[in-house]
Amino acid sequence: FAGALLGLYIGWHAAAGPSVRVANLVGSALWLAVTATGWRMARRR
């Protein structure tokens, strides 16, 4: 969660162009969502 949130921040400030910025933002958001889903599955046993 900390890494994904940091990735969102870094992704927003990427200097390698808009494609890299969007990829970093999408990747960080996806990582956060996938991990949260995994965590929810564990909580539901």
All heavy atoms as atom14 arrays in JSON, in Angstrom:
{
  "sequence": "FAGALLGLYIGWHAAAGPSVRVANLVGSALWLAVTATGWRMARRR",
  "atom14_mask": [
    [1, 1, 1, 1, 1, 1, 1, 1, 1, 1, 1, 0, 0, 0],
    [1, 1, 1, 1, 1, 0, 0, 0, 0, 0, 0, 0, 0, 0],
    [1, 1, 1, 1, 0, 0, 0, 0, 0, 0, 0, 0, 0, 0],
    [1, 1, 1, 1, 1, 0, 0, 0, 0, 0, 0, 0, 0, 0],
    [1, 1, 1, 1, 1, 1, 1, 1, 0, 0, 0, 0, 0, 0],
    [1, 1, 1, 1, 1, 1, 1, 1, 0, 0, 0, 0, 0, 0],
    [1, 1, 1, 1, 0, 0, 0, 0, 0, 0, 0, 0, 0, 0],
    [1, 1, 1, 1, 1, 1, 1, 1, 0, 0, 0, 0, 0, 0],
    [1, 1, 1, 1, 1, 1, 1, 1, 1, 1, 1, 1, 0, 0],
    [1, 1, 1, 1, 1, 1, 1, 1, 0, 0, 0, 0, 0, 0],
    [1, 1, 1, 1, 0, 0, 0, 0, 0, 0, 0, 0, 0, 0],
    [1, 1, 1, 1, 1, 1, 1, 1, 1, 1, 1, 1, 1, 1],
    [1, 1, 1, 1, 1, 1, 1, 1, 1, 1, 0, 0, 0, 0],
    [1, 1, 1, 1, 1, 0, 0, 0, 0, 0, 0, 0, 0, 0],
    [1, 1, 1, 1, 1, 0, 0, 0, 0, 0, 0, 0, 0, 0],
    [1, 1, 1, 1, 1, 0, 0, 0, 0, 0, 0, 0, 0, 0],
    [1, 1, 1, 1, 0, 0, 0, 0, 0, 0, 0, 0, 0, 0],
    [1, 1, 1, 1, 1, 1, 1, 0, 0, 0, 0, 0, 0, 0],
    [1, 1, 1, 1, 1, 1, 0, 0, 0, 0, 0, 0, 0, 0],
    [1, 1, 1, 1, 1, 1, 1, 0, 0, 0, 0, 0, 0, 0],
    [1, 1, 1, 1, 1, 1, 1, 1, 1, 1, 1, 0, 0, 0],
    [1, 1, 1, 1, 1, 1, 1, 0, 0, 0, 0, 0, 0, 0],
    [1, 1, 1, 1, 1, 0, 0, 0, 0, 0, 0, 0, 0, 0],
    [1, 1, 1, 1, 1, 1, 1, 1, 0, 0, 0, 0, 0, 0],
    [1, 1, 1, 1, 1, 1, 1, 1, 0, 0, 0, 0, 0, 0],
    [1, 1, 1, 1, 1, 1, 1, 0, 0, 0, 0, 0, 0, 0],
    [1, 1, 1, 1, 0, 0, 0, 0, 0, 0, 0, 0, 0, 0],
    [1, 1, 1, 1, 1, 1, 0, 0, 0, 0, 0, 0, 0, 0],
    [1, 1, 1, 1, 1, 0, 0, 0, 0, 0, 0, 0, 0, 0],
    [1, 1, 1, 1, 1, 1, 1, 1, 0, 0, 0, 0, 0, 0],
    [1, 1, 1, 1, 1, 1, 1, 1, 1, 1, 1, 1, 1, 1],
    [1, 1, 1, 1, 1, 1, 1, 1, 0, 0, 0, 0, 0, 0],
    [1, 1, 1, 1, 1, 0, 0, 0, 0, 0, 0, 0, 0, 0],
    [1, 1, 1, 1, 1, 1, 1, 0, 0, 0, 0, 0, 0, 0],
    [1, 1, 1, 1, 1, 1, 1, 0, 0, 0, 0, 0, 0, 0],
    [1, 1, 1, 1, 1, 0, 0, 0, 0, 0, 0, 0, 0, 0],
    [1, 1, 1, 1, 1, 1, 1, 0, 0, 0, 0, 0, 0, 0],
    [1, 1, 1, 1, 0, 0, 0, 0, 0, 0, 0, 0, 0, 0],
    [1, 1, 1, 1, 1, 1, 1, 1, 1, 1, 1, 1, 1, 1],
    [1, 1, 1, 1, 1, 1, 1, 1, 1, 1, 1, 0, 0, 0],
    [1, 1, 1, 1, 1, 1, 1, 1, 0, 0, 0, 0, 0, 0],
    [1, 1, 1, 1, 1, 0, 0, 0, 0, 0, 0, 0, 0, 0],
    [1, 1, 1, 1, 1, 1, 1, 1, 1, 1, 1, 0, 0, 0],
    [1, 1, 1, 1, 1, 1, 1, 1, 1, 1, 1, 0, 0, 0],
    [1, 1, 1, 1, 1, 1, 1, 1, 1, 1, 1, 0, 0, 0]
  ],
  "atom14_positions": [
    [[0.83, -1.2, 0.0], [0.0, 0.0, 0.0], [0.87, 1.25, 0.0], [0.62, 2.2, -0.75], [-0.97, -0.02, 1.19], [-1.95, -1.14, 1.1], [-1.85, -2.23, 1.95], [-2.96, -1.13, 0.15], [-2.74, -3.28, 1.86], [-3.86, -2.18, 0.05], [-3.75, -3.25, 0.91], [0.0, 0.0, 0.0], [0.0, 0.0, 0.0], [0.0, 0.0, 0.0]],
    [[1.93, 1.24, 0.79], [2.84, 2.39, 0.8], [3.55, 2.52, -0.54], [3.68, 3.62, -1.08], [3.86, 2.23, 1.93], [0.0, 0.0, 0.0], [0.0, 0.0, 0.0], [0.0, 0.0, 0.0], [0.0, 0.0, 0.0], [0.0, 0.0, 0.0], [0.0, 0.0, 0.0], [0.0, 0.0, 0.0], [0.0, 0.0, 0.0], [0.0, 0.0, 0.0]],
    [[3.99, 1.39, -1.1], [4.67, 1.41, -2.39], [3.76, 1.89, -3.51], [4.17, 2.67, -4.39], [0.0, 0.0, 0.0], [0.0, 0.0, 0.0], [0.0, 0.0, 0.0], [0.0, 0.0, 0.0], [0.0, 0.0, 0.0], [0.0, 0.0, 0.0], [0.0, 0.0, 0.0], [0.0, 0.0, 0.0], [0.0, 0.0, 0.0], [0.0, 0.0, 0.0]],
    [[2.52, 1.42, -3.51], [1.58, 1.83, -4.55], [1.23, 3.32, -4.43], [1.15, 4.03, -5.44], [0.31, 0.99, -4.49], [0.0, 0.0, 0.0], [0.0, 0.0, 0.0], [0.0, 0.0, 0.0], [0.0, 0.0, 0.0], [0.0, 0.0, 0.0], [0.0, 0.0, 0.0], [0.0, 0.0, 0.0], [0.0, 0.0, 0.0], [0.0, 0.0, 0.0]],
    [[1.06, 3.78, -3.2], [0.77, 5.21, -3.02], [1.97, 6.06, -3.43], [1.8, 7.11, -4.06], [0.36, 5.48, -1.57], [-0.98, 4.89, -1.15], [-1.22, 5.11, 0.33], [-2.12, 5.48, -1.97], [0.0, 0.0, 0.0], [0.0, 0.0, 0.0], [0.0, 0.0, 0.0], [0.0, 0.0, 0.0], [0.0, 0.0, 0.0], [0.0, 0.0, 0.0]],
    [[3.15, 5.61, -3.09], [4.36, 6.31, -3.52], [4.47, 6.25, -5.05], [4.85, 7.24, -5.68], [5.59, 5.69, -2.87], [6.91, 6.4, -3.1], [6.86, 7.84, -2.6], [8.04, 5.65, -2.41], [0.0, 0.0, 0.0], [0.0, 0.0, 0.0], [0.0, 0.0, 0.0], [0.0, 0.0, 0.0], [0.0, 0.0, 0.0], [0.0, 0.0, 0.0]],
    [[4.13, 5.12, -5.64], [4.14, 4.99, -7.09], [3.17, 5.95, -7.76], [3.46, 6.5, -8.83], [0.0, 0.0, 0.0], [0.0, 0.0, 0.0], [0.0, 0.0, 0.0], [0.0, 0.0, 0.0], [0.0, 0.0, 0.0], [0.0, 0.0, 0.0], [0.0, 0.0, 0.0], [0.0, 0.0, 0.0], [0.0, 0.0, 0.0], [0.0, 0.0, 0.0]],
    [[2.02, 6.18, -7.13], [1.07, 7.16, -7.67], [1.67, 8.56, -7.66], [1.56, 9.31, -8.63], [-0.24, 7.14, -6.87], [-1.14, 5.93, -7.09], [-2.25, 5.91, -6.06], [-1.72, 5.94, -8.5], [0.0, 0.0, 0.0], [0.0, 0.0, 0.0], [0.0, 0.0, 0.0], [0.0, 0.0, 0.0], [0.0, 0.0, 0.0], [0.0, 0.0, 0.0]],
    [[2.34, 8.89, -6.57], [2.98, 10.21, -6.47], [4.09, 10.35, -7.5], [4.16, 11.35, -8.23], [3.52, 10.42, -5.06], [4.26, 11.73, -4.92], [3.56, 12.93, -4.76], [5.64, 11.78, -4.99], [4.23, 14.13, -4.66], [6.32, 12.98, -4.9], [5.6, 14.15, -4.73], [6.28, 15.35, -4.64], [0.0, 0.0, 0.0], [0.0, 0.0, 0.0]],
    [[4.97, 9.35, -7.56], [6.09, 9.4, -8.51], [5.57, 9.38, -9.94], [6.06, 10.09, -10.81], [7.07, 8.24, -8.24], [7.77, 8.47, -6.9], [8.08, 8.1, -9.37], [8.57, 7.27, -6.43], [0.0, 0.0, 0.0], [0.0, 0.0, 0.0], [0.0, 0.0, 0.0], [0.0, 0.0, 0.0], [0.0, 0.0, 0.0], [0.0, 0.0, 0.0]],
    [[4.55, 8.54, -10.18], [3.97, 8.45, -11.51], [3.43, 9.77, -12.0], [3.57, 10.13, -13.18], [0.0, 0.0, 0.0], [0.0, 0.0, 0.0], [0.0, 0.0, 0.0], [0.0, 0.0, 0.0], [0.0, 0.0, 0.0], [0.0, 0.0, 0.0], [0.0, 0.0, 0.0], [0.0, 0.0, 0.0], [0.0, 0.0, 0.0], [0.0, 0.0, 0.0]],
    [[2.83, 10.52, -11.11], [2.28, 11.82, -11.48], [3.38, 12.8, -11.91], [3.17, 13.66, -12.73], [1.48, 12.41, -10.33], [0.83, 13.7, -10.7], [1.21, 14.95, -10.33], [-0.31, 13.86, -11.55], [0.37, 15.88, -10.89], [-0.57, 15.24, -11.64], [-1.15, 12.98, -12.24], [-1.62, 15.75, -12.4], [-2.18, 13.49, -12.98], [-2.41, 14.86, -13.06]],
    [[4.56, 12.63, -11.33], [5.67, 13.55, -11.6], [6.72, 12.96, -12.55], [7.83, 13.48, -12.62], [6.34, 13.96, -10.28], [5.4, 14.69, -9.37], [4.97, 15.97, -9.61], [4.77, 14.3, -8.24], [4.14, 16.35, -8.66], [4.0, 15.35, -7.81], [0.0, 0.0, 0.0], [0.0, 0.0, 0.0], [0.0, 0.0, 0.0], [0.0, 0.0, 0.0]],
    [[6.35, 11.91, -13.29], [7.3, 11.28, -14.23], [7.71, 12.28, -15.31], [6.88, 13.01, -15.86], [6.67, 10.05, -14.87], [0.0, 0.0, 0.0], [0.0, 0.0, 0.0], [0.0, 0.0, 0.0], [0.0, 0.0, 0.0], [0.0, 0.0, 0.0], [0.0, 0.0, 0.0], [0.0, 0.0, 0.0], [0.0, 0.0, 0.0], [0.0, 0.0, 0.0]],
    [[8.99, 12.29, -15.61], [9.51, 13.25, -16.59], [9.71, 12.63, -17.96], [10.22, 13.29, -18.86], [10.84, 13.82, -16.08], [0.0, 0.0, 0.0], [0.0, 0.0, 0.0], [0.0, 0.0, 0.0], [0.0, 0.0, 0.0], [0.0, 0.0, 0.0], [0.0, 0.0, 0.0], [0.0, 0.0, 0.0], [0.0, 0.0, 0.0], [0.0, 0.0, 0.0]],
    [[9.31, 11.38, -18.15], [9.58, 10.69, -19.42], [8.41, 10.76, -20.38], [8.31, 9.95, -21.27], [9.96, 9.24, -19.14], [0.0, 0.0, 0.0], [0.0, 0.0, 0.0], [0.0, 0.0, 0.0], [0.0, 0.0, 0.0], [0.0, 0.0, 0.0], [0.0, 0.0, 0.0], [0.0, 0.0, 0.0], [0.0, 0.0, 0.0], [0.0, 0.0, 0.0]],
    [[7.52, 11.69, -20.21], [6.43, 11.87, -21.15], [5.1, 11.37, -20.62], [5.03, 10.65, -19.62], [0.0, 0.0, 0.0], [0.0, 0.0, 0.0], [0.0, 0.0, 0.0], [0.0, 0.0, 0.0], [0.0, 0.0, 0.0], [0.0, 0.0, 0.0], [0.0, 0.0, 0.0], [0.0, 0.0, 0.0], [0.0, 0.0, 0.0], [0.0, 0.0, 0.0]],
    [[4.03, 11.74, -21.31], [2.68, 11.4, -20.83], [2.37, 9.9, -20.85], [1.65, 9.42, -19.99], [1.76, 12.16, -21.79], [2.58, 12.49, -22.98], [4.01, 12.57, -22.51], [0.0, 0.0, 0.0], [0.0, 0.0, 0.0], [0.0, 0.0, 0.0], [0.0, 0.0, 0.0], [0.0, 0.0, 0.0], [0.0, 0.0, 0.0], [0.0, 0.0, 0.0]],
    [[2.92, 9.15, -21.79], [2.66, 7.71, -21.84], [3.22, 7.03, -20.6], [2.57, 6.16, -20.01], [3.27, 7.1, -23.1], [3.06, 5.72, -23.13], [0.0, 0.0, 0.0], [0.0, 0.0, 0.0], [0.0, 0.0, 0.0], [0.0, 0.0, 0.0], [0.0, 0.0, 0.0], [0.0, 0.0, 0.0], [0.0, 0.0, 0.0], [0.0, 0.0, 0.0]],
    [[4.42, 7.41, -20.2], [5.04, 6.82, -19.01], [4.28, 7.27, -17.76], [4.06, 6.48, -16.85], [6.53, 7.21, -18.93], [7.15, 6.75, -17.62], [7.29, 6.61, -20.11], [0.0, 0.0, 0.0], [0.0, 0.0, 0.0], [0.0, 0.0, 0.0], [0.0, 0.0, 0.0], [0.0, 0.0, 0.0], [0.0, 0.0, 0.0], [0.0, 0.0, 0.0]],
    [[3.85, 8.52, -17.74], [3.09, 9.02, -16.59], [1.81, 8.2, -16.43], [1.49, 7.73, -15.33], [2.75, 10.5, -16.77], [1.93, 11.04, -15.6], [1.67, 12.52, -15.74], [2.95, 13.21, -15.6], [3.2, 14.4, -16.1], [2.29, 15.05, -16.78], [4.38, 14.96, -15.92], [0.0, 0.0, 0.0], [0.0, 0.0, 0.0], [0.0, 0.0, 0.0]],
    [[1.07, 8.02, -17.51], [-0.18, 7.26, -17.43], [0.1, 5.81, -17.05], [-0.61, 5.23, -16.22], [-0.96, 7.35, -18.76], [-2.12, 6.38, -18.78], [-1.44, 8.77, -18.99], [0.0, 0.0, 0.0], [0.0, 0.0, 0.0], [0.0, 0.0, 0.0], [0.0, 0.0, 0.0], [0.0, 0.0, 0.0], [0.0, 0.0, 0.0], [0.0, 0.0, 0.0]],
    [[1.13, 5.21, -17.63], [1.46, 3.82, -17.3], [1.81, 3.67, -15.82], [1.39, 2.7, -15.18], [2.63, 3.34, -18.16], [0.0, 0.0, 0.0], [0.0, 0.0, 0.0], [0.0, 0.0, 0.0], [0.0, 0.0, 0.0], [0.0, 0.0, 0.0], [0.0, 0.0, 0.0], [0.0, 0.0, 0.0], [0.0, 0.0, 0.0], [0.0, 0.0, 0.0]],
    [[2.57, 4.61, -15.28], [2.92, 4.55, -13.86], [1.69, 4.72, -12.98], [1.54, 4.03, -11.96], [3.97, 5.61, -13.51], [5.33, 5.25, -14.01], [5.66, 4.08, -14.19], [6.16, 6.25, -14.26], [0.0, 0.0, 0.0], [0.0, 0.0, 0.0], [0.0, 0.0, 0.0], [0.0, 0.0, 0.0], [0.0, 0.0, 0.0], [0.0, 0.0, 0.0]],
    [[0.81, 5.62, -13.35], [-0.41, 5.83, -12.56], [-1.34, 4.62, -12.64], [-1.84, 4.15, -11.62], [-1.14, 7.09, -13.04], [-0.43, 8.41, -12.74], [-1.13, 9.58, -13.43], [-0.33, 8.66, -11.25], [0.0, 0.0, 0.0], [0.0, 0.0, 0.0], [0.0, 0.0, 0.0], [0.0, 0.0, 0.0], [0.0, 0.0, 0.0], [0.0, 0.0, 0.0]],
    [[-1.53, 4.09, -13.84], [-2.38, 2.91, -14.01], [-1.76, 1.71, -13.29], [-2.46, 0.97, -12.59], [-2.6, 2.61, -15.51], [-3.23, 1.24, -15.71], [-3.46, 3.69, -16.14], [0.0, 0.0, 0.0], [0.0, 0.0, 0.0], [0.0, 0.0, 0.0], [0.0, 0.0, 0.0], [0.0, 0.0, 0.0], [0.0, 0.0, 0.0], [0.0, 0.0, 0.0]],
    [[-0.46, 1.52, -13.45], [0.21, 0.4, -12.79], [0.12, 0.46, -11.28], [-0.15, -0.55, -10.63], [0.0, 0.0, 0.0], [0.0, 0.0, 0.0], [0.0, 0.0, 0.0], [0.0, 0.0, 0.0], [0.0, 0.0, 0.0], [0.0, 0.0, 0.0], [0.0, 0.0, 0.0], [0.0, 0.0, 0.0], [0.0, 0.0, 0.0], [0.0, 0.0, 0.0]],
    [[0.32, 1.65, -10.72], [0.25, 1.79, -9.27], [-1.17, 1.57, -8.76], [-1.38, 0.89, -7.75], [0.73, 3.18, -8.85], [2.09, 3.32, -9.13], [0.0, 0.0, 0.0], [0.0, 0.0, 0.0], [0.0, 0.0, 0.0], [0.0, 0.0, 0.0], [0.0, 0.0, 0.0], [0.0, 0.0, 0.0], [0.0, 0.0, 0.0], [0.0, 0.0, 0.0]],
    [[-2.14, 2.13, -9.47], [-3.54, 1.94, -9.07], [-3.95, 0.47, -9.19], [-4.65, -0.08, -8.33], [-4.45, 2.82, -9.92], [0.0, 0.0, 0.0], [0.0, 0.0, 0.0], [0.0, 0.0, 0.0], [0.0, 0.0, 0.0], [0.0, 0.0, 0.0], [0.0, 0.0, 0.0], [0.0, 0.0, 0.0], [0.0, 0.0, 0.0], [0.0, 0.0, 0.0]],
    [[-3.49, -0.18, -10.26], [-3.8, -1.6, -10.45], [-3.14, -2.45, -9.37], [-3.78, -3.36, -8.82], [-3.33, -2.04, -11.84], [-3.67, -3.46, -12.27], [-5.18, -3.66, -12.31], [-3.07, -3.74, -13.64], [0.0, 0.0, 0.0], [0.0, 0.0, 0.0], [0.0, 0.0, 0.0], [0.0, 0.0, 0.0], [0.0, 0.0, 0.0], [0.0, 0.0, 0.0]],
    [[-1.9, -2.16, -9.04], [-1.2, -2.89, -7.98], [-1.96, -2.75, -6.65], [-2.16, -3.72, -5.92], [0.23, -2.38, -7.87], [1.13, -3.17, -6.97], [1.06, -4.49, -6.65], [2.27, -2.67, -6.28], [2.09, -4.85, -5.82], [2.85, -3.74, -5.57], [2.88, -1.42, -6.2], [3.98, -3.61, -4.79], [4.01, -1.29, -5.42], [4.55, -2.37, -4.72]],
    [[-2.38, -1.54, -6.37], [-3.13, -1.28, -5.14], [-4.46, -2.05, -5.14], [-4.8, -2.71, -4.15], [-3.38, 0.22, -5.0], [-3.96, 0.74, -3.71], [-3.07, 0.4, -2.54], [-4.14, 2.26, -3.8], [0.0, 0.0, 0.0], [0.0, 0.0, 0.0], [0.0, 0.0, 0.0], [0.0, 0.0, 0.0], [0.0, 0.0, 0.0], [0.0, 0.0, 0.0]],
    [[-5.18, -2.01, -6.24], [-6.47, -2.69, -6.33], [-6.32, -4.21, -6.24], [-7.09, -4.89, -5.54], [-7.18, -2.31, -7.63], [0.0, 0.0, 0.0], [0.0, 0.0, 0.0], [0.0, 0.0, 0.0], [0.0, 0.0, 0.0], [0.0, 0.0, 0.0], [0.0, 0.0, 0.0], [0.0, 0.0, 0.0], [0.0, 0.0, 0.0], [0.0, 0.0, 0.0]],
    [[-5.33, -4.76, -6.92], [-5.11, -6.21, -6.91], [-4.71, -6.67, -5.51], [-5.21, -7.68, -5.01], [-4.02, -6.58, -7.95], [-3.5, -7.98, -7.73], [-4.59, -6.44, -9.36], [0.0, 0.0, 0.0], [0.0, 0.0, 0.0], [0.0, 0.0, 0.0], [0.0, 0.0, 0.0], [0.0, 0.0, 0.0], [0.0, 0.0, 0.0], [0.0, 0.0, 0.0]],
    [[-3.85, -5.92, -4.85], [-3.43, -6.28, -3.5], [-4.59, -6.17, -2.52], [-4.75, -7.03, -1.65], [-2.25, -5.4, -3.06], [-1.2, -5.54, -4.02], [-1.75, -5.8, -1.69], [0.0, 0.0, 0.0], [0.0, 0.0, 0.0], [0.0, 0.0, 0.0], [0.0, 0.0, 0.0], [0.0, 0.0, 0.0], [0.0, 0.0, 0.0], [0.0, 0.0, 0.0]],
    [[-5.38, -5.12, -2.65], [-6.55, -4.96, -1.78], [-7.54, -6.11, -1.98], [-8.13, -6.62, -1.02], [-7.23, -3.62, -2.05], [0.0, 0.0, 0.0], [0.0, 0.0, 0.0], [0.0, 0.0, 0.0], [0.0, 0.0, 0.0], [0.0, 0.0, 0.0], [0.0, 0.0, 0.0], [0.0, 0.0, 0.0], [0.0, 0.0, 0.0], [0.0, 0.0, 0.0]],
    [[-7.7, -6.54, -3.22], [-8.58, -7.68, -3.49], [-8.03, -8.94, -2.84], [-8.79, -9.71, -2.22], [-8.73, -7.88, -5.01], [-9.26, -6.69, -5.59], [-9.66, -9.05, -5.32], [0.0, 0.0, 0.0], [0.0, 0.0, 0.0], [0.0, 0.0, 0.0], [0.0, 0.0, 0.0], [0.0, 0.0, 0.0], [0.0, 0.0, 0.0], [0.0, 0.0, 0.0]],
    [[-6.73, -9.16, -2.94], [-6.11, -10.31, -2.28], [-6.28, -10.27, -0.78], [-6.57, -11.29, -0.14], [0.0, 0.0, 0.0], [0.0, 0.0, 0.0], [0.0, 0.0, 0.0], [0.0, 0.0, 0.0], [0.0, 0.0, 0.0], [0.0, 0.0, 0.0], [0.0, 0.0, 0.0], [0.0, 0.0, 0.0], [0.0, 0.0, 0.0], [0.0, 0.0, 0.0]],
    [[-6.12, -9.1, -0.21], [-6.28, -8.93, 1.23], [-7.73, -9.23, 1.64], [-7.97, -9.92, 2.64], [-5.89, -7.51, 1.62], [-5.97, -7.23, 3.08], [-5.13, -7.66, 4.06], [-6.98, -6.45, 3.74], [-5.54, -7.2, 5.28], [-6.67, -6.44, 5.11], [-8.09, -5.75, 3.3], [-7.46, -5.78, 6.04], [-8.86, -5.08, 4.22], [-8.54, -5.11, 5.58]],
    [[-8.69, -8.73, 0.84], [-10.1, -9.0, 1.13], [-10.4, -10.5, 1.07], [-11.17, -11.02, 1.88], [-11.02, -8.25, 0.16], [-11.3, -6.83, 0.56], [-12.52, -6.24, -0.13], [-12.8, -6.8, -1.43], [-12.48, -6.24, -2.59], [-11.85, -5.1, -2.62], [-12.8, -6.83, -3.73], [0.0, 0.0, 0.0], [0.0, 0.0, 0.0], [0.0, 0.0, 0.0]],
    [[-9.8, -11.18, 0.1], [-10.02, -12.63, -0.01], [-9.5, -13.35, 1.23], [-10.13, -14.28, 1.73], [-9.35, -13.19, -1.26], [-9.92, -12.7, -2.58], [-11.63, -13.16, -2.82], [-12.41, -11.55, -2.82], [0.0, 0.0, 0.0], [0.0, 0.0, 0.0], [0.0, 0.0, 0.0], [0.0, 0.0, 0.0], [0.0, 0.0, 0.0], [0.0, 0.0, 0.0]],
    [[-8.37, -12.94, 1.75], [-7.82, -13.55, 2.96], [-8.73, -13.28, 4.16], [-8.96, -14.17, 4.98], [-6.41, -13.04, 3.23], [0.0, 0.0, 0.0], [0.0, 0.0, 0.0], [0.0, 0.0, 0.0], [0.0, 0.0, 0.0], [0.0, 0.0, 0.0], [0.0, 0.0, 0.0], [0.0, 0.0, 0.0], [0.0, 0.0, 0.0], [0.0, 0.0, 0.0]],
    [[-9.22, -12.06, 4.25], [-10.12, -11.71, 5.37], [-11.4, -12.54, 5.33], [-11.99, -12.82, 6.36], [-10.46, -10.22, 5.33], [-9.28, -9.29, 5.47], [-8.85, -9.07, 6.87], [-9.92, -8.42, 7.61], [-10.03, -8.46, 8.93], [-9.15, -9.08, 9.63], [-11.01, -7.85, 9.53], [0.0, 0.0, 0.0], [0.0, 0.0, 0.0], [0.0, 0.0, 0.0]],
    [[-11.83, -12.92, 4.12], [-13.03, -13.74, 3.95], [-12.72, -15.24, 4.03], [-13.59, -16.06, 3.79], [-13.7, -13.43, 2.62], [-14.27, -12.04, 2.55], [-14.89, -11.76, 1.22], [-15.4, -10.41, 1.17], [-15.75, -9.8, 0.07], [-15.66, -10.41, -1.09], [-16.21, -8.57, 0.11], [0.0, 0.0, 0.0], [0.0, 0.0, 0.0], [0.0, 0.0, 0.0]],
    [[-11.46, -15.56, 4.3], [-10.97, -16.93, 4.41], [-11.11, -17.7, 3.09], [-11.25, -18.91, 3.07], [-11.68, -17.68, 5.54], [-11.44, -17.04, 6.89], [-11.65, -18.07, 7.97], [-11.29, -17.59, 9.28], [-10.04, -17.44, 9.74], [-9.04, -17.69, 8.96], [-9.82, -17.03, 10.96], [0.0, 0.0, 0.0], [0.0, 0.0, 0.0], [0.0, 0.0, 0.0]]
  ]
}
